[in-house]
C-alpha cells in the first residue's frame, strides 16, 4: 500500500519561509511526476509546482520566483519564500506512480498540510 506523508506546514508571518516535505513509501515500482497542489477555503484545488523524473520543473505563475520544487528519490520538497497571506491553504503532495511492473500509473495524494500566512 502506498502512502504519501507530508510535513513542514505551519503558521508564518508574511515574508517568511517554510519548507514542505513529502515522502512516498510502500509498494512502489516506479514514480513519474511528483508535485504540490493547494486548496484554499472555498476554492478549488490548484497545482502549485510539479517536477518530472528528468528534473523538469513547472511552477504556477503566482509562485514563480518565490517557491522552488526539488526531488530526491521518493521525496519531494517545496521551498516557499516570500510567503503572502494569499498563500494560505492546505498543501497536498501528489505522485504519479505505479505499484508493479504490470500496473498503470495512477495519482496518489497525501493527507495535506496546513500553511497559514499572517499579515
N, C-alpha and C. Protein backbone atom coordinates (compact mmCIF):
# COMPACT_ATOMS: atom_id res chain seq x y z
N UNK A 1 0.84 -1.19 0.00
CA UNK A 1 0.00 0.00 0.00
C UNK A 1 0.88 1.24 0.00
N UNK A 2 0.51 2.19 -0.82
CA UNK A 2 1.31 3.41 -0.97
C UNK A 2 0.84 4.49 0.00
N UNK A 3 1.79 5.17 0.58
CA UNK A 3 1.49 6.32 1.43
C UNK A 3 2.34 7.50 1.03
N UNK A 4 1.73 8.68 1.05
CA UNK A 4 2.44 9.93 0.86
C UNK A 4 2.26 10.71 2.16
N UNK A 5 3.36 11.00 2.82
CA UNK A 5 3.30 11.67 4.12
C UNK A 5 3.99 13.02 4.02
N UNK A 6 3.21 14.06 4.29
CA UNK A 6 3.71 15.43 4.21
C UNK A 6 4.11 15.94 5.59
N UNK A 7 5.01 16.90 5.60
CA UNK A 7 5.38 17.58 6.83
C UNK A 7 5.89 18.97 6.48
N UNK A 8 5.94 19.83 7.49
CA UNK A 8 6.55 21.14 7.30
C UNK A 8 5.60 22.32 7.27
N UNK A 9 4.31 22.08 7.31
CA UNK A 9 3.38 23.20 7.31
C UNK A 9 3.40 23.93 8.64
N UNK A 10 2.67 25.03 8.71
CA UNK A 10 2.60 25.78 9.96
C UNK A 10 2.15 27.20 9.74
N UNK A 11 2.36 28.00 10.78
CA UNK A 11 1.98 29.40 10.77
C UNK A 11 3.23 30.26 10.62
N UNK A 12 3.18 31.21 9.71
CA UNK A 12 4.34 32.07 9.48
C UNK A 12 3.85 33.47 9.13
N UNK A 13 4.65 34.45 9.42
CA UNK A 13 4.30 35.82 9.07
C UNK A 13 4.59 36.09 7.60
N UNK A 14 3.91 37.05 7.04
CA UNK A 14 4.14 37.44 5.66
C UNK A 14 5.61 37.78 5.45
N UNK A 15 6.14 37.29 4.34
CA UNK A 15 7.55 37.47 4.05
C UNK A 15 8.44 36.34 4.54
N UNK A 16 7.87 35.47 5.36
CA UNK A 16 8.63 34.36 5.91
C UNK A 16 8.75 33.19 4.96
N UNK A 17 9.35 32.12 5.48
CA UNK A 17 9.61 30.93 4.66
C UNK A 17 9.17 29.66 5.38
N UNK A 18 8.82 28.68 4.58
CA UNK A 18 8.54 27.35 5.07
C UNK A 18 9.05 26.36 4.03
N UNK A 19 9.37 25.17 4.52
CA UNK A 19 9.78 24.09 3.61
C UNK A 19 8.90 22.88 3.86
N UNK A 20 8.20 22.46 2.82
CA UNK A 20 7.36 21.28 2.90
C UNK A 20 8.11 20.07 2.36
N UNK A 21 7.87 18.94 2.99
CA UNK A 21 8.45 17.68 2.52
C UNK A 21 7.34 16.66 2.35
N UNK A 22 7.55 15.75 1.43
CA UNK A 22 6.59 14.67 1.21
C UNK A 22 7.36 13.43 0.80
N UNK A 23 7.19 12.38 1.58
CA UNK A 23 7.87 11.12 1.27
C UNK A 23 6.85 10.07 0.86
N UNK A 24 7.10 9.45 -0.27
CA UNK A 24 6.27 8.34 -0.73
C UNK A 24 6.89 7.03 -0.25
N UNK A 25 6.06 6.14 0.24
CA UNK A 25 6.57 4.86 0.73
C UNK A 25 5.55 3.76 0.44
N UNK A 26 6.01 2.53 0.60
CA UNK A 26 5.13 1.39 0.37
C UNK A 26 5.50 0.65 -0.89
N UNK A 27 4.50 0.04 -1.49
CA UNK A 27 4.70 -0.78 -2.68
C UNK A 27 4.79 0.11 -3.91
N UNK A 28 6.01 0.55 -4.23
CA UNK A 28 6.23 1.47 -5.34
C UNK A 28 7.19 0.84 -6.33
N UNK A 29 6.75 0.72 -7.58
CA UNK A 29 7.62 0.21 -8.62
C UNK A 29 8.31 1.35 -9.36
N UNK A 30 7.54 2.38 -9.66
CA UNK A 30 8.09 3.50 -10.42
C UNK A 30 7.28 4.75 -10.14
N UNK A 31 7.97 5.89 -10.06
CA UNK A 31 7.31 7.19 -9.87
C UNK A 31 7.60 8.07 -11.06
N UNK A 32 6.58 8.70 -11.57
CA UNK A 32 6.73 9.63 -12.67
C UNK A 32 6.80 11.05 -12.09
N UNK A 33 5.83 11.86 -12.34
CA UNK A 33 5.83 13.22 -11.80
C UNK A 33 5.50 13.22 -10.31
N UNK A 34 6.07 14.20 -9.60
CA UNK A 34 5.68 14.49 -8.22
C UNK A 34 5.43 15.98 -8.12
N UNK A 35 4.54 16.36 -7.24
CA UNK A 35 4.26 17.78 -7.17
C UNK A 35 3.45 18.18 -5.96
N UNK A 36 3.12 19.47 -5.95
CA UNK A 36 2.34 20.05 -4.87
C UNK A 36 1.14 20.79 -5.44
N UNK A 37 0.02 20.64 -4.76
CA UNK A 37 -1.21 21.36 -5.07
C UNK A 37 -1.64 22.05 -3.79
N UNK A 38 -2.55 23.00 -3.93
CA UNK A 38 -3.07 23.64 -2.73
C UNK A 38 -4.56 23.94 -2.90
N UNK A 39 -5.22 24.03 -1.77
CA UNK A 39 -6.65 24.34 -1.77
C UNK A 39 -6.95 25.30 -0.64
N UNK A 40 -7.39 26.48 -1.00
CA UNK A 40 -7.81 27.49 -0.03
C UNK A 40 -9.30 27.33 0.26
N UNK A 41 -9.76 27.81 1.41
CA UNK A 41 -11.18 27.68 1.74
C UNK A 41 -12.07 28.27 0.66
N UNK A 42 -13.04 27.50 0.23
CA UNK A 42 -13.98 27.96 -0.77
C UNK A 42 -13.46 27.96 -2.19
N UNK A 43 -12.27 27.45 -2.40
CA UNK A 43 -11.68 27.44 -3.74
C UNK A 43 -11.35 26.01 -4.16
N UNK A 44 -11.14 25.86 -5.46
CA UNK A 44 -10.77 24.54 -5.97
C UNK A 44 -9.28 24.28 -5.76
N UNK A 45 -8.95 23.01 -5.72
CA UNK A 45 -7.55 22.63 -5.61
C UNK A 45 -6.83 23.03 -6.90
N UNK A 46 -5.63 23.61 -6.73
CA UNK A 46 -4.89 24.09 -7.89
C UNK A 46 -3.44 23.63 -7.82
N UNK A 47 -2.82 23.39 -8.97
CA UNK A 47 -1.41 22.99 -8.98
C UNK A 47 -0.50 24.15 -8.61
N UNK A 48 0.52 23.85 -7.85
CA UNK A 48 1.50 24.84 -7.43
C UNK A 48 2.83 24.60 -8.14
N UNK A 49 3.32 23.39 -8.07
CA UNK A 49 4.62 23.07 -8.68
C UNK A 49 4.70 21.57 -8.92
N UNK A 50 5.33 21.21 -10.05
CA UNK A 50 5.48 19.81 -10.42
C UNK A 50 6.90 19.59 -10.92
N UNK A 51 7.48 18.46 -10.54
CA UNK A 51 8.81 18.12 -11.02
C UNK A 51 8.77 16.71 -11.63
N UNK A 52 9.33 16.58 -12.81
CA UNK A 52 9.34 15.31 -13.52
C UNK A 52 10.59 14.52 -13.16
N UNK A 53 10.63 13.27 -13.63
CA UNK A 53 11.78 12.42 -13.34
C UNK A 53 13.06 12.96 -13.97
N UNK A 54 12.94 13.70 -15.06
CA UNK A 54 14.14 14.25 -15.70
C UNK A 54 14.53 15.60 -15.12
N UNK A 55 13.81 16.03 -14.06
CA UNK A 55 14.15 17.28 -13.41
C UNK A 55 13.43 18.50 -13.94
N UNK A 56 12.62 18.31 -14.96
CA UNK A 56 11.84 19.44 -15.49
C UNK A 56 10.87 19.94 -14.43
N UNK A 57 10.87 21.25 -14.25
CA UNK A 57 10.02 21.85 -13.23
C UNK A 57 8.99 22.78 -13.87
N UNK A 58 7.79 22.70 -13.38
CA UNK A 58 6.72 23.61 -13.80
C UNK A 58 6.13 24.24 -12.55
N UNK A 59 6.16 25.57 -12.51
CA UNK A 59 5.62 26.30 -11.38
C UNK A 59 4.49 27.21 -11.84
N UNK A 60 3.49 27.33 -10.99
CA UNK A 60 2.39 28.26 -11.28
C UNK A 60 2.92 29.69 -11.29
N UNK A 61 2.31 30.52 -12.09
CA UNK A 61 2.75 31.91 -12.21
C UNK A 61 2.75 32.61 -10.85
N UNK A 62 1.79 32.29 -10.01
CA UNK A 62 1.65 33.03 -8.76
C UNK A 62 2.73 32.67 -7.72
N UNK A 63 3.55 31.66 -8.00
CA UNK A 63 4.63 31.31 -7.07
C UNK A 63 6.01 31.40 -7.71
N UNK A 64 6.04 31.63 -9.00
CA UNK A 64 7.33 31.66 -9.68
C UNK A 64 8.18 32.80 -9.12
N UNK A 65 9.43 32.48 -8.81
CA UNK A 65 10.33 33.46 -8.21
C UNK A 65 10.31 33.44 -6.70
N UNK A 66 9.32 32.76 -6.12
CA UNK A 66 9.24 32.68 -4.66
C UNK A 66 9.38 31.24 -4.15
N UNK A 67 8.79 30.31 -4.87
CA UNK A 67 8.82 28.89 -4.47
C UNK A 67 9.74 28.12 -5.39
N UNK A 68 10.37 27.08 -4.84
CA UNK A 68 11.14 26.15 -5.66
C UNK A 68 10.76 24.73 -5.27
N UNK A 69 10.79 23.84 -6.25
CA UNK A 69 10.47 22.44 -6.01
C UNK A 69 11.71 21.62 -6.32
N UNK A 70 11.93 20.61 -5.50
CA UNK A 70 13.05 19.71 -5.73
C UNK A 70 12.64 18.30 -5.35
N UNK A 71 13.51 17.37 -5.73
CA UNK A 71 13.14 15.97 -5.54
C UNK A 71 14.40 15.15 -5.29
N UNK A 72 14.27 14.19 -4.38
CA UNK A 72 15.37 13.27 -4.11
C UNK A 72 14.77 11.90 -3.88
N UNK A 73 14.89 11.03 -4.85
CA UNK A 73 14.31 9.71 -4.74
C UNK A 73 12.81 9.76 -4.66
N UNK A 74 12.27 9.27 -3.56
CA UNK A 74 10.81 9.23 -3.40
C UNK A 74 10.31 10.40 -2.54
N UNK A 75 11.14 11.40 -2.35
CA UNK A 75 10.76 12.57 -1.55
C UNK A 75 10.77 13.82 -2.42
N UNK A 76 9.73 14.62 -2.24
CA UNK A 76 9.64 15.88 -2.96
C UNK A 76 9.53 17.01 -1.94
N UNK A 77 10.17 18.12 -2.26
CA UNK A 77 10.23 19.26 -1.35
C UNK A 77 9.64 20.50 -2.04
N UNK A 78 9.11 21.38 -1.22
CA UNK A 78 8.65 22.67 -1.71
C UNK A 78 9.20 23.74 -0.77
N UNK A 79 10.17 24.50 -1.26
CA UNK A 79 10.71 25.61 -0.50
C UNK A 79 9.90 26.85 -0.84
N UNK A 80 9.31 27.42 0.18
CA UNK A 80 8.44 28.57 -0.02
C UNK A 80 9.04 29.78 0.66
N UNK A 81 9.43 30.76 -0.12
CA UNK A 81 9.99 32.01 0.39
C UNK A 81 9.05 33.16 0.04
N UNK A 82 9.20 34.26 0.74
CA UNK A 82 8.37 35.42 0.43
C UNK A 82 6.89 35.13 0.52
N UNK A 83 6.50 34.39 1.55
CA UNK A 83 5.09 33.97 1.67
C UNK A 83 4.17 35.17 1.85
N UNK A 84 2.99 35.05 1.26
CA UNK A 84 1.97 36.09 1.31
C UNK A 84 0.72 35.51 1.97
N UNK A 85 -0.13 36.36 2.53
CA UNK A 85 -1.38 35.85 3.13
C UNK A 85 -2.21 35.04 2.14
N UNK A 86 -2.16 35.39 0.87
CA UNK A 86 -2.94 34.65 -0.12
C UNK A 86 -2.37 33.26 -0.42
N UNK A 87 -1.23 32.94 0.14
CA UNK A 87 -0.68 31.58 0.02
C UNK A 87 -1.29 30.64 1.06
N UNK A 88 -2.09 31.18 1.96
CA UNK A 88 -2.73 30.37 2.99
C UNK A 88 -3.63 29.33 2.34
N UNK A 89 -3.39 28.06 2.67
CA UNK A 89 -4.14 26.96 2.06
C UNK A 89 -3.68 25.65 2.69
N UNK A 90 -4.40 24.60 2.36
CA UNK A 90 -3.91 23.25 2.65
C UNK A 90 -3.10 22.80 1.43
N UNK A 91 -1.89 22.38 1.67
CA UNK A 91 -1.00 21.96 0.59
C UNK A 91 -0.96 20.43 0.54
N UNK A 92 -1.18 19.90 -0.66
CA UNK A 92 -1.24 18.46 -0.86
C UNK A 92 -0.11 18.00 -1.76
N UNK A 93 0.52 16.93 -1.36
CA UNK A 93 1.53 16.28 -2.17
C UNK A 93 0.85 15.33 -3.15
N UNK A 94 1.41 15.21 -4.33
CA UNK A 94 0.86 14.33 -5.35
C UNK A 94 1.99 13.57 -6.03
N UNK A 95 1.74 12.30 -6.30
CA UNK A 95 2.72 11.49 -7.02
C UNK A 95 2.00 10.64 -8.05
N UNK A 96 2.57 10.60 -9.22
CA UNK A 96 2.05 9.78 -10.32
C UNK A 96 2.93 8.52 -10.37
N UNK A 97 2.39 7.40 -9.87
CA UNK A 97 3.25 6.24 -9.74
C UNK A 97 2.49 4.95 -10.03
N UNK A 98 3.27 3.87 -10.16
CA UNK A 98 2.63 2.57 -10.28
C UNK A 98 3.27 1.59 -9.31
N UNK A 99 2.47 0.64 -8.87
CA UNK A 99 2.87 -0.24 -7.78
C UNK A 99 3.53 -1.53 -8.25
N UNK A 100 3.42 -1.82 -9.53
CA UNK A 100 4.06 -3.04 -10.03
C UNK A 100 4.42 -2.83 -11.49
N UNK A 101 5.25 -3.73 -12.02
CA UNK A 101 5.73 -3.54 -13.39
C UNK A 101 4.59 -3.63 -14.40
N UNK A 102 3.54 -4.39 -14.05
CA UNK A 102 2.43 -4.54 -15.00
C UNK A 102 1.29 -3.58 -14.71
N UNK A 103 1.46 -2.75 -13.70
CA UNK A 103 0.40 -1.81 -13.36
C UNK A 103 0.40 -0.59 -14.25
N UNK A 104 -0.50 0.32 -13.98
CA UNK A 104 -0.57 1.58 -14.70
C UNK A 104 -0.29 2.72 -13.74
N UNK A 105 0.15 3.82 -14.28
CA UNK A 105 0.40 4.98 -13.45
C UNK A 105 -0.92 5.55 -12.95
N UNK A 106 -0.95 5.83 -11.66
CA UNK A 106 -2.11 6.46 -11.04
C UNK A 106 -1.64 7.57 -10.11
N UNK A 107 -2.52 8.51 -9.86
CA UNK A 107 -2.20 9.63 -8.98
C UNK A 107 -2.54 9.29 -7.54
N UNK A 108 -1.59 9.53 -6.67
CA UNK A 108 -1.79 9.34 -5.25
C UNK A 108 -1.62 10.68 -4.55
N UNK A 109 -2.34 10.84 -3.44
CA UNK A 109 -2.37 12.10 -2.70
C UNK A 109 -1.96 11.90 -1.25
N UNK A 110 -1.29 12.91 -0.71
CA UNK A 110 -1.05 12.95 0.71
C UNK A 110 -2.28 13.48 1.43
N UNK A 111 -2.17 13.53 2.76
CA UNK A 111 -3.32 13.94 3.58
C UNK A 111 -3.46 15.45 3.67
N UNK A 112 -2.44 16.16 3.24
CA UNK A 112 -2.49 17.63 3.27
C UNK A 112 -1.83 18.20 4.52
N UNK A 113 -1.24 19.35 4.36
CA UNK A 113 -0.63 20.06 5.48
C UNK A 113 -1.02 21.54 5.40
N UNK A 114 -1.42 22.08 6.51
CA UNK A 114 -1.93 23.46 6.54
C UNK A 114 -0.78 24.47 6.55
N UNK A 115 -0.87 25.43 5.68
CA UNK A 115 0.05 26.57 5.67
C UNK A 115 -0.79 27.83 5.88
N UNK A 116 -0.44 28.57 6.92
CA UNK A 116 -1.17 29.81 7.24
C UNK A 116 -0.17 30.95 7.29
N UNK A 117 -0.44 31.99 6.52
CA UNK A 117 0.44 33.16 6.46
C UNK A 117 -0.32 34.35 7.02
N UNK A 118 0.19 34.92 8.09
CA UNK A 118 -0.46 36.08 8.72
C UNK A 118 0.12 37.37 8.17
N UNK A 119 -0.73 38.38 8.13
CA UNK A 119 -0.30 39.68 7.58
C UNK A 119 0.30 40.57 8.66
